[in-house]
């Protein structure tokens, strides 16, 4: 009778170990990504860059743009709509793309 429960119990235990390992791995990856984002923020966000939205927001979008670029012009309404829908949740930082082929 004990042997018939041994295989299902081992299977459940194996699945539980796998789920726990996957959870710990995802937490570690998220922590590494947060550290990487914070360490590289100074490369993307300059003190003189124009900003819109909440500067303390959890989400920061850095938009590289060129006023003469057609693609940038087409993308602008999407960013404007996103900012209007989430004014307190998003921080928008604008960066001019120098020498953009446009």
Protein backbone atom coordinates (compact mmCIF):
# COMPACT_ATOMS: atom_id res chain seq x y z
CA UNK A 1 0.00 0.00 0.00
CA UNK A 2 2.86 2.40 0.74
CA UNK A 3 4.41 1.84 -2.69
CA UNK A 4 1.29 2.98 -4.52
CA UNK A 5 1.52 6.41 -2.84
CA UNK A 6 5.26 6.73 -3.30
CA UNK A 7 5.24 7.54 -7.05
CA UNK A 8 2.46 10.20 -6.94
CA UNK A 9 4.00 11.75 -3.83
CA UNK A 10 7.40 11.92 -5.54
CA UNK A 11 5.74 13.53 -8.58
CA UNK A 12 4.00 16.16 -6.46
CA UNK A 13 7.22 16.85 -4.58
CA UNK A 14 9.15 17.20 -7.85
CA UNK A 15 6.58 19.66 -9.23
CA UNK A 16 6.68 21.67 -5.99
CA UNK A 17 10.48 21.90 -6.15
CA UNK A 18 10.31 22.97 -9.81
CA UNK A 19 7.72 25.68 -9.06
CA UNK A 20 9.76 26.99 -6.12
CA UNK A 21 12.94 27.08 -8.22
CA UNK A 22 11.15 28.90 -11.06
CA UNK A 23 9.77 31.47 -8.62
CA UNK A 24 13.16 32.12 -7.02
CA UNK A 25 14.80 32.41 -10.45
CA UNK A 26 12.21 34.93 -11.66
CA UNK A 27 12.66 37.00 -8.49
CA UNK A 28 16.42 37.01 -8.96
CA UNK A 29 16.08 38.07 -12.61
CA UNK A 30 13.69 40.89 -11.70
CA UNK A 31 16.09 42.14 -9.03
CA UNK A 32 19.01 42.08 -11.49
CA UNK A 33 16.98 43.98 -14.09
CA UNK A 34 16.03 46.65 -11.54
CA UNK A 35 19.66 47.10 -10.53
CA UNK A 36 20.71 47.30 -14.18
CA UNK A 37 18.02 49.87 -14.96
CA UNK A 38 19.00 52.04 -12.01
CA UNK A 39 22.70 51.89 -12.83
CA UNK A 40 22.12 52.81 -16.49
CA UNK A 41 19.51 55.52 -15.90
CA UNK A 42 22.11 58.29 -15.98
CA UNK A 43 23.08 57.27 -19.51
CA UNK A 44 19.52 57.79 -20.75
CA UNK A 45 18.16 60.58 -18.56
CA UNK A 46 20.05 63.87 -18.53
CA UNK A 47 19.36 66.75 -16.14
CA UNK A 48 18.61 69.08 -19.06
CA UNK A 49 16.21 66.70 -20.85
CA UNK A 50 12.62 67.95 -21.17
CA UNK A 51 10.21 65.91 -19.06
CA UNK A 52 6.48 65.38 -18.73
CA UNK A 53 4.40 63.48 -16.21
CA UNK A 54 5.27 62.39 -12.70
CA UNK A 55 9.05 62.47 -12.09
CA UNK A 56 8.62 59.91 -9.29
CA UNK A 57 6.59 57.49 -11.42
CA UNK A 58 7.52 53.84 -11.47
CA UNK A 59 7.53 53.82 -15.28
CA UNK A 60 9.89 56.09 -17.20
CA UNK A 61 9.78 56.30 -20.99
CA UNK A 62 12.79 57.83 -22.71
CA UNK A 63 11.74 58.92 -26.20
CA UNK A 64 14.48 59.65 -28.69
CA UNK A 65 13.01 61.89 -31.36
CA UNK A 66 13.73 64.15 -34.29
CA UNK A 67 11.08 66.74 -35.24
CA UNK A 68 11.88 66.19 -38.93
CA UNK A 69 11.42 62.40 -38.74
CA UNK A 70 8.20 60.97 -40.19
CA UNK A 71 8.31 57.91 -37.96
CA UNK A 72 8.75 60.07 -34.87
CA UNK A 73 5.79 62.16 -36.02
CA UNK A 74 3.65 59.03 -36.42
CA UNK A 75 4.69 57.74 -32.99
CA UNK A 76 3.95 60.98 -31.13
CA UNK A 77 0.13 60.56 -30.90
CA UNK A 78 0.64 57.16 -29.26
CA UNK A 79 2.92 58.66 -26.59
CA UNK A 80 0.53 61.58 -26.09
CA UNK A 81 -2.41 59.18 -25.64
CA UNK A 82 -0.40 57.07 -23.19
CA UNK A 83 0.52 60.14 -21.15
CA UNK A 84 -3.09 61.38 -21.12
CA UNK A 85 -4.35 58.00 -19.91
CA UNK A 86 -1.70 57.69 -17.17
CA UNK A 87 -0.61 61.19 -16.11
CA UNK A 88 0.55 60.20 -12.61
CA UNK A 89 1.93 56.77 -13.49
CA UNK A 90 4.36 57.62 -16.30
CA UNK A 91 7.41 59.85 -16.52
CA UNK A 92 8.29 60.87 -20.09
CA UNK A 93 11.83 62.06 -20.84
CA UNK A 94 12.50 63.50 -24.30
CA UNK A 95 15.89 63.18 -25.95
CA UNK A 96 16.71 64.75 -29.29
CA UNK A 97 18.25 62.21 -31.68
CA UNK A 98 21.19 64.13 -33.11
CA UNK A 99 22.12 63.27 -36.70
CA UNK A 100 19.08 61.06 -37.11
CA UNK A 101 18.77 60.08 -40.81
CA UNK A 102 15.01 60.82 -40.63
